[in-house]
Amino acid sequence: MNRLLLNNWIWLLLVALLAHSAAAETPLQTTPFSILEERQRNGNHFTQGLFYDGQRWWESSGLYRRSWLAEYTDPGANPVRRKWLARNRFAEGLTVLDNKLYLLTYKAGEVHVYQADNLQHLKVMHYRGEGWGLTSNGEQLIMSNGSGELVFRNPETFEAVRYLKVQGGGETWSNLNELEFAEGLIWANIWQDKRVIAIDPETGQVRGLIDLSALNPSGRDHPDTVANGIAWDRARNGLWVTGKYWQQLYLIRPEGLGFQRGAAP
């Protein structure tokens, strides 16, 4: 190759790489959202996981000696079913896949599997490290552990299949907590942060963020009263969000990130 052409090719490659790097570090603009509905609920929930299938809600509440898993048809009413965990188990995130409910524990290294219809306990699988949030892309389970990395896991064995580093948006991400898979993106609460980020499940790039500071929930005056809990409402094209000790659930619809399609009240 001609040296001049080679130098030009190298220069163009460097420019492209620098442009890509600069784009990756550009801070994200906050995505606006509308509030479609606000619902009241009991404010003593230390919410760790939240899931909604259009008719039923499942929620997990944490803390040692006080952890439970519950099913609701109305989150403002008493649960239809509730399962208490052992006093030395701390409930964390949950998700439902193929009519099985998967519930993480904080430091016990256990994921408990239940029949979603009746909360019958089916089995326990094990993993190393901490468990924080859990969701599913319809085929695999996706887990957070408080770091900036997500782990894709086999739902039958809970073995790790793939690791995904979350990156971009001009920040270094960590403390990823409760997860939800919606509109082709992984949505994640960040512990002690009022923002929710939307993550590309293939690349780990943060594609957007929403700021829940505009919400004004009533709740316990406690340092752990933080945003945590995301559930996709497919029929109404929105996300239910709440927090630990929050007395409200909010159905919000981001302006974009997949939610502009087929919007209905």
Protein backbone atom coordinates (compact mmCIF):
# COMPACT_ATOMS: atom_id res chain seq x y z
CA MET A 1 0.00 0.00 0.00
CA ASN A 2 1.20 3.52 -0.79
CA ARG A 3 2.61 5.16 2.38
CA LEU A 4 0.46 8.26 1.88
CA LEU A 5 -2.68 6.14 1.54
CA LEU A 6 -1.67 4.13 4.61
CA ASN A 7 -1.16 7.30 6.65
CA ASN A 8 -4.51 8.65 5.49
CA TRP A 9 -6.22 5.37 6.40
CA ILE A 10 -4.63 5.38 9.87
CA TRP A 11 -5.66 9.02 10.36
CA LEU A 12 -9.26 8.30 9.40
CA LEU A 13 -9.32 5.30 11.72
CA LEU A 14 -8.04 7.38 14.62
CA VAL A 15 -10.63 10.08 13.95
CA ALA A 16 -13.40 7.47 13.88
CA LEU A 17 -12.20 5.91 17.13
CA LEU A 18 -11.97 9.29 18.85
CA ALA A 19 -15.44 10.25 17.62
CA HIS A 20 -16.84 6.97 18.91
CA SER A 21 -15.15 7.45 22.27
CA ALA A 22 -16.45 11.02 22.57
CA ALA A 23 -19.98 9.90 21.71
CA ALA A 24 -19.80 7.15 24.31
CA GLU A 25 -18.79 9.68 26.96
CA THR A 26 -21.46 12.24 26.10
CA PRO A 27 -23.77 12.63 29.12
CA LEU A 28 -27.28 11.39 28.46
CA GLN A 29 -30.22 13.72 28.39
CA THR A 30 -32.96 12.83 30.85
CA THR A 31 -35.98 11.31 29.12
CA PRO A 32 -39.26 13.01 30.12
CA PHE A 33 -42.21 10.89 31.20
CA SER A 34 -45.88 11.29 31.93
CA ILE A 35 -47.70 9.92 34.96
CA LEU A 36 -50.65 7.78 33.88
CA GLU A 37 -51.84 6.65 37.31
CA GLU A 38 -51.00 6.77 40.99
CA ARG A 39 -52.07 4.01 43.37
CA GLN A 40 -51.86 3.83 47.16
CA ARG A 41 -50.38 0.88 49.02
CA ASN A 42 -49.06 -0.09 52.43
CA GLY A 43 -45.93 1.89 53.22
CA ASN A 44 -44.12 -0.77 55.27
CA HIS A 45 -42.78 -2.69 52.26
CA PHE A 46 -39.00 -2.85 51.96
CA THR A 47 -39.47 -3.41 48.23
CA GLN A 48 -36.80 -5.49 46.52
CA GLY A 49 -38.54 -7.00 43.50
CA LEU A 50 -41.73 -6.18 41.60
CA PHE A 51 -43.47 -7.95 38.71
CA TYR A 52 -46.85 -7.45 37.01
CA ASP A 53 -48.46 -9.76 34.45
CA GLY A 54 -51.48 -7.58 33.70
CA GLN A 55 -53.67 -9.15 36.37
CA ARG A 56 -51.44 -10.14 39.27
CA TRP A 57 -48.60 -8.48 41.13
CA TRP A 58 -45.70 -10.22 42.82
CA GLU A 59 -43.50 -8.35 45.25
CA SER A 60 -40.61 -9.23 47.53
CA SER A 61 -39.76 -7.32 50.69
CA GLY A 62 -36.34 -7.61 52.31
CA LEU A 63 -34.54 -7.39 55.67
CA TYR A 64 -33.52 -10.23 57.95
CA ARG A 65 -36.30 -11.72 60.10
CA ARG A 66 -38.87 -9.78 58.05
CA SER A 67 -38.49 -10.98 54.43
CA TRP A 68 -41.49 -12.14 52.44
CA LEU A 69 -42.81 -12.87 48.97
CA ALA A 70 -46.42 -11.91 48.15
CA GLU A 71 -48.98 -12.08 45.35
CA TYR A 72 -51.64 -9.37 44.91
CA THR A 73 -54.53 -8.68 42.61
CA ASP A 74 -54.69 -5.17 44.11
CA PRO A 75 -51.45 -3.74 45.55
CA GLY A 76 -53.51 -1.54 47.87
CA ALA A 77 -55.25 -4.54 49.44
CA ASN A 78 -54.06 -7.51 51.47
CA PRO A 79 -52.07 -10.10 49.52
CA VAL A 80 -53.80 -13.13 48.03
CA ARG A 81 -50.81 -15.20 49.16
CA ARG A 82 -47.71 -14.49 51.18
CA LYS A 83 -44.66 -16.62 51.89
CA TRP A 84 -42.31 -15.70 54.71
CA LEU A 85 -38.63 -16.53 54.30
CA ALA A 86 -36.48 -18.03 57.03
CA ARG A 87 -35.36 -15.44 59.57
CA ASN A 88 -31.76 -15.69 58.35
CA ARG A 89 -32.70 -15.06 54.70
CA PHE A 90 -32.91 -11.58 53.13
CA ALA A 91 -35.25 -11.44 50.11
CA GLU A 92 -34.04 -9.58 47.04
CA GLY A 93 -35.16 -9.26 43.40
CA LEU A 94 -37.65 -11.50 41.64
CA THR A 95 -39.00 -12.30 38.21
CA VAL A 96 -41.49 -14.68 36.58
CA LEU A 97 -40.59 -16.91 33.62
CA ASP A 98 -42.64 -19.82 32.23
CA ASN A 99 -44.99 -19.73 35.22
CA LYS A 100 -42.10 -20.05 37.66
CA LEU A 101 -41.16 -17.32 40.08
CA TYR A 102 -37.46 -16.85 40.86
CA LEU A 103 -36.50 -15.04 44.07
CA LEU A 104 -32.94 -14.00 44.93
CA THR A 105 -31.45 -13.79 48.40
CA TYR A 106 -28.97 -11.11 49.43
CA LYS A 107 -25.96 -12.99 50.82
CA ALA A 108 -27.11 -16.61 51.16
CA GLY A 109 -26.22 -17.44 47.55
CA GLU A 110 -29.66 -18.95 46.95
CA VAL A 111 -32.32 -18.42 44.33
CA HIS A 112 -35.66 -19.88 45.41
CA VAL A 113 -38.03 -21.15 42.70
CA TYR A 114 -41.80 -21.16 43.21
CA GLN A 115 -44.81 -22.12 41.15
CA ALA A 116 -46.20 -18.71 40.19
CA ASP A 117 -49.84 -19.85 40.36
CA ASN A 118 -49.80 -20.81 44.02
CA LEU A 119 -46.33 -19.93 45.37
CA GLN A 120 -45.55 -23.59 45.99
CA HIS A 121 -41.83 -23.86 46.69
CA LEU A 122 -40.17 -25.98 43.99
CA LYS A 123 -36.43 -25.90 44.55
CA VAL A 124 -33.34 -23.90 45.50
CA MET A 125 -30.40 -23.18 43.22
CA HIS A 126 -27.09 -21.62 44.22
CA TYR A 127 -24.72 -18.90 43.06
CA ARG A 128 -21.68 -17.09 44.38
CA GLY A 129 -21.68 -13.50 45.58
CA GLU A 130 -24.58 -11.21 46.38
CA GLY A 131 -28.00 -11.15 44.77
CA TRP A 132 -29.72 -7.80 44.12
CA GLY A 133 -32.07 -7.55 41.11
CA LEU A 134 -33.54 -10.11 38.71
CA THR A 135 -35.43 -10.02 35.41
CA SER A 136 -35.82 -12.12 32.26
CA ASN A 137 -35.61 -11.57 28.51
CA GLY A 138 -38.04 -14.46 28.00
CA GLU A 139 -35.28 -17.05 27.63
CA GLN A 140 -32.62 -16.29 30.23
CA LEU A 141 -32.58 -14.75 33.68
CA ILE A 142 -30.67 -11.49 34.08
CA MET A 143 -29.22 -10.68 37.49
CA SER A 144 -27.55 -7.71 39.18
CA ASN A 145 -25.23 -7.98 42.18
CA GLY A 146 -24.65 -4.36 43.17
CA SER A 147 -21.81 -3.82 40.72
CA GLY A 148 -21.85 -2.33 37.22
CA GLU A 149 -22.09 -5.76 35.60
CA LEU A 150 -25.12 -7.90 34.80
CA VAL A 151 -25.10 -11.69 34.60
CA PHE A 152 -27.26 -13.72 32.19
CA ARG A 153 -28.16 -17.10 33.71
CA ASN A 154 -29.70 -20.39 32.64
CA PRO A 155 -33.16 -20.62 34.27
CA GLU A 156 -32.87 -24.40 34.75
CA THR A 157 -29.49 -24.46 36.48
CA PHE A 158 -28.79 -20.78 37.29
CA GLU A 159 -25.35 -21.18 35.77
CA ALA A 160 -23.84 -18.00 34.34
CA VAL A 161 -24.14 -17.82 30.54
CA ARG A 162 -22.87 -14.33 29.82
CA TYR A 163 -21.55 -11.25 31.60
CA LEU A 164 -22.49 -7.74 30.48
CA LYS A 165 -20.64 -4.60 31.58
CA VAL A 166 -22.91 -1.55 31.72
CA GLN A 167 -21.23 1.48 30.22
CA GLY A 168 -21.63 4.78 28.38
CA GLY A 169 -23.62 7.91 29.00
CA GLY A 170 -20.60 9.74 30.37
CA GLU A 171 -20.66 7.88 33.70
CA THR A 172 -19.23 4.84 35.41
CA TRP A 173 -22.19 2.75 36.54
CA SER A 174 -22.43 0.72 39.72
CA ASN A 175 -24.96 -0.23 42.41
CA LEU A 176 -27.35 -1.63 39.81
CA ASN A 177 -30.32 -2.96 41.72
CA GLU A 178 -33.90 -3.95 40.79
CA LEU A 179 -34.26 -4.87 37.10
CA GLU A 180 -37.05 -5.09 34.53
CA PHE A 181 -36.93 -6.12 30.86
CA ALA A 182 -39.27 -3.93 28.79
CA GLU A 183 -39.40 -2.81 25.16
CA GLY A 184 -36.18 -4.66 24.38
CA LEU A 185 -34.16 -2.87 27.08
CA ILE A 186 -33.06 -3.73 30.60
CA TRP A 187 -34.33 -1.09 33.03
CA ALA A 188 -32.40 -0.74 36.28
CA ASN A 189 -32.81 1.09 39.53
CA ILE A 190 -29.57 2.40 41.01
CA TRP A 191 -29.27 2.04 44.76
CA GLN A 192 -29.53 5.36 46.60
CA ASP A 193 -30.19 7.14 43.28
CA LYS A 194 -33.51 8.45 41.95
CA ARG A 195 -32.60 7.65 38.36
CA VAL A 196 -33.58 4.59 36.33
CA ILE A 197 -31.38 3.67 33.37
CA ALA A 198 -32.26 1.77 30.19
CA ILE A 199 -29.53 -0.66 29.07
CA ASP A 200 -28.96 -2.31 25.70
CA PRO A 201 -28.93 -6.07 26.49
CA GLU A 202 -26.43 -6.82 23.71
CA THR A 203 -23.80 -4.11 24.19
CA GLY A 204 -24.34 -2.89 27.73
CA GLN A 205 -24.62 0.70 26.51
CA VAL A 206 -26.93 2.93 28.52
CA ARG A 207 -29.52 4.14 26.01
CA GLY A 208 -31.49 6.44 28.26
CA LEU A 209 -32.38 7.45 31.78
CA ILE A 210 -35.41 8.75 33.60
CA ASP A 211 -35.29 10.78 36.80
CA LEU A 212 -37.91 9.94 39.42
CA SER A 213 -37.18 13.07 41.47
CA ALA A 214 -40.36 14.61 40.08
CA LEU A 215 -42.40 12.03 41.99
CA ASN A 216 -43.31 13.01 45.51
CA PRO A 217 -44.21 9.83 47.37
CA SER A 218 -45.13 9.84 51.02
CA GLY A 219 -43.31 7.30 53.13
CA ARG A 220 -41.30 6.59 56.22
CA ASP A 221 -38.62 9.11 57.22
CA HIS A 222 -35.76 6.67 56.87
CA PRO A 223 -32.47 6.66 54.91
CA ASP A 224 -33.58 3.50 53.09
CA THR A 225 -36.68 5.22 51.66
CA VAL A 226 -35.31 5.08 48.14
CA ALA A 227 -36.66 4.34 44.67
CA ASN A 228 -36.70 0.60 44.01
CA GLY A 229 -39.15 -1.51 42.06
CA ILE A 230 -40.00 -1.52 38.33
CA ALA A 231 -42.78 -3.53 36.67
CA TRP A 232 -43.74 -3.45 32.98
CA ASP A 233 -47.42 -2.92 32.19
CA ARG A 234 -47.62 -4.20 28.61
CA ALA A 235 -51.32 -3.44 28.12
CA ARG A 236 -51.01 0.18 29.20
CA ASN A 237 -47.59 0.72 27.67
CA GLY A 238 -45.86 1.97 30.78
CA LEU A 239 -43.72 1.17 33.80
CA TRP A 240 -44.97 0.88 37.36
CA VAL A 241 -42.36 2.33 39.73
CA THR A 242 -42.18 2.50 43.49
CA GLY A 243 -39.65 2.44 46.33
CA LYS A 244 -38.77 1.05 49.72
CA TYR A 245 -41.34 2.29 52.25
CA TRP A 246 -43.13 4.29 49.53
CA GLN A 247 -46.89 4.50 49.99
CA GLN A 248 -47.43 4.97 46.26
CA LEU A 249 -47.07 3.08 43.01
CA TYR A 250 -46.82 5.24 39.88
CA LEU A 251 -47.52 4.15 36.31
CA ILE A 252 -45.25 6.25 34.10
CA ARG A 253 -44.69 6.34 30.35
CA PRO A 254 -41.29 7.53 29.07
CA GLU A 255 -41.37 9.72 25.97
CA GLY A 256 -39.44 7.36 23.75
CA LEU A 257 -37.21 4.35 24.40
CA GLY A 258 -39.86 2.14 22.81
CA PHE A 259 -42.86 3.44 24.75
CA GLN A 260 -44.09 5.88 22.11
CA ARG A 261 -45.39 2.99 20.01
CA GLY A 262 -49.10 2.25 20.28
CA ALA A 263 -49.53 4.52 23.29
CA ALA A 264 -52.91 4.25 24.99
CA PRO A 265 -54.31 5.98 28.09
